[in-house]
Structures are given as structure tokens and as C-alpha cells.
Amino acid sequence: LRVAVLWKETLAALKKLPKHEDGYIFRNYRNEPLGISGSQKRFLELAEAANVSVTASQLRDGAYTVAFDLDEKLAMLLAGHKTKSKADHYVKRNPSMVRPACEAVYKKYMKA
């Protein structure tokens, strides 16, 4: 389980994409839901087009580090790690539990 609060910029971009009955947004060349390897390939293509040298895992680890500085338990929930807390059971239904960590990541990377 990994949960994140979507930023307004992300929501605006997602609203512009075509809707599919199966609920998946990102699709491969056969119009099937995009898998992990396809997602990684597209991320690398975007990074190359933006002329940056970063992998998805580096981006994830950077975001996790910023969130961890804010609150260890919330960062662990954000990353999908067990916290041995009752919060683990409710985070999927209540993403506001990770909102402070997501906002810290946004402030660090999007408002810099």
C-alpha cells in the first residue's frame, strides 16, 4: 500500500487525460493498463527529454527522505512500510493521514 495526496497541478494534468472504463489512466501502445516496466520506461524518456539525470527510484527516495524529516511514521506510511500502528489499517481510506508528509515534499521540490 502506498498513498499520496495529489497536488493540484497533478490533478489538473490528470483531468486532461482520456477516461477509461477500467479506471486505469496510463496505457501502453496496445491500449492496455501500463505495467511497472512500461512506467519506468516512460519516466526515463521524460527525464531524458527534460535533460535531467534522475531515476524514478531516486525521485522516490528523495521524497521519502524529505517526508521522513517531517514525521517518521507518516513517511513510513507514505512509502508503504509497516509502522506497527493502527494507522496502517486506515491509511487507504484516509489519505489525509499522509497529507503533512506529502505537503513537505511538495514544499521542498515544487516551491523551491
Foldseek 3Di string as FASTA:
>chain_A
DAFADDDPVRVVVQVPFDDDPVRAGDADPVRHRDDDVSVQVVVVVVCVVVVHDDGPVRLLVVLLVQLCVVPVVLSCNNVVHDPVDPVNVCCVVPVVSNHVSNVSSCCVPVVD
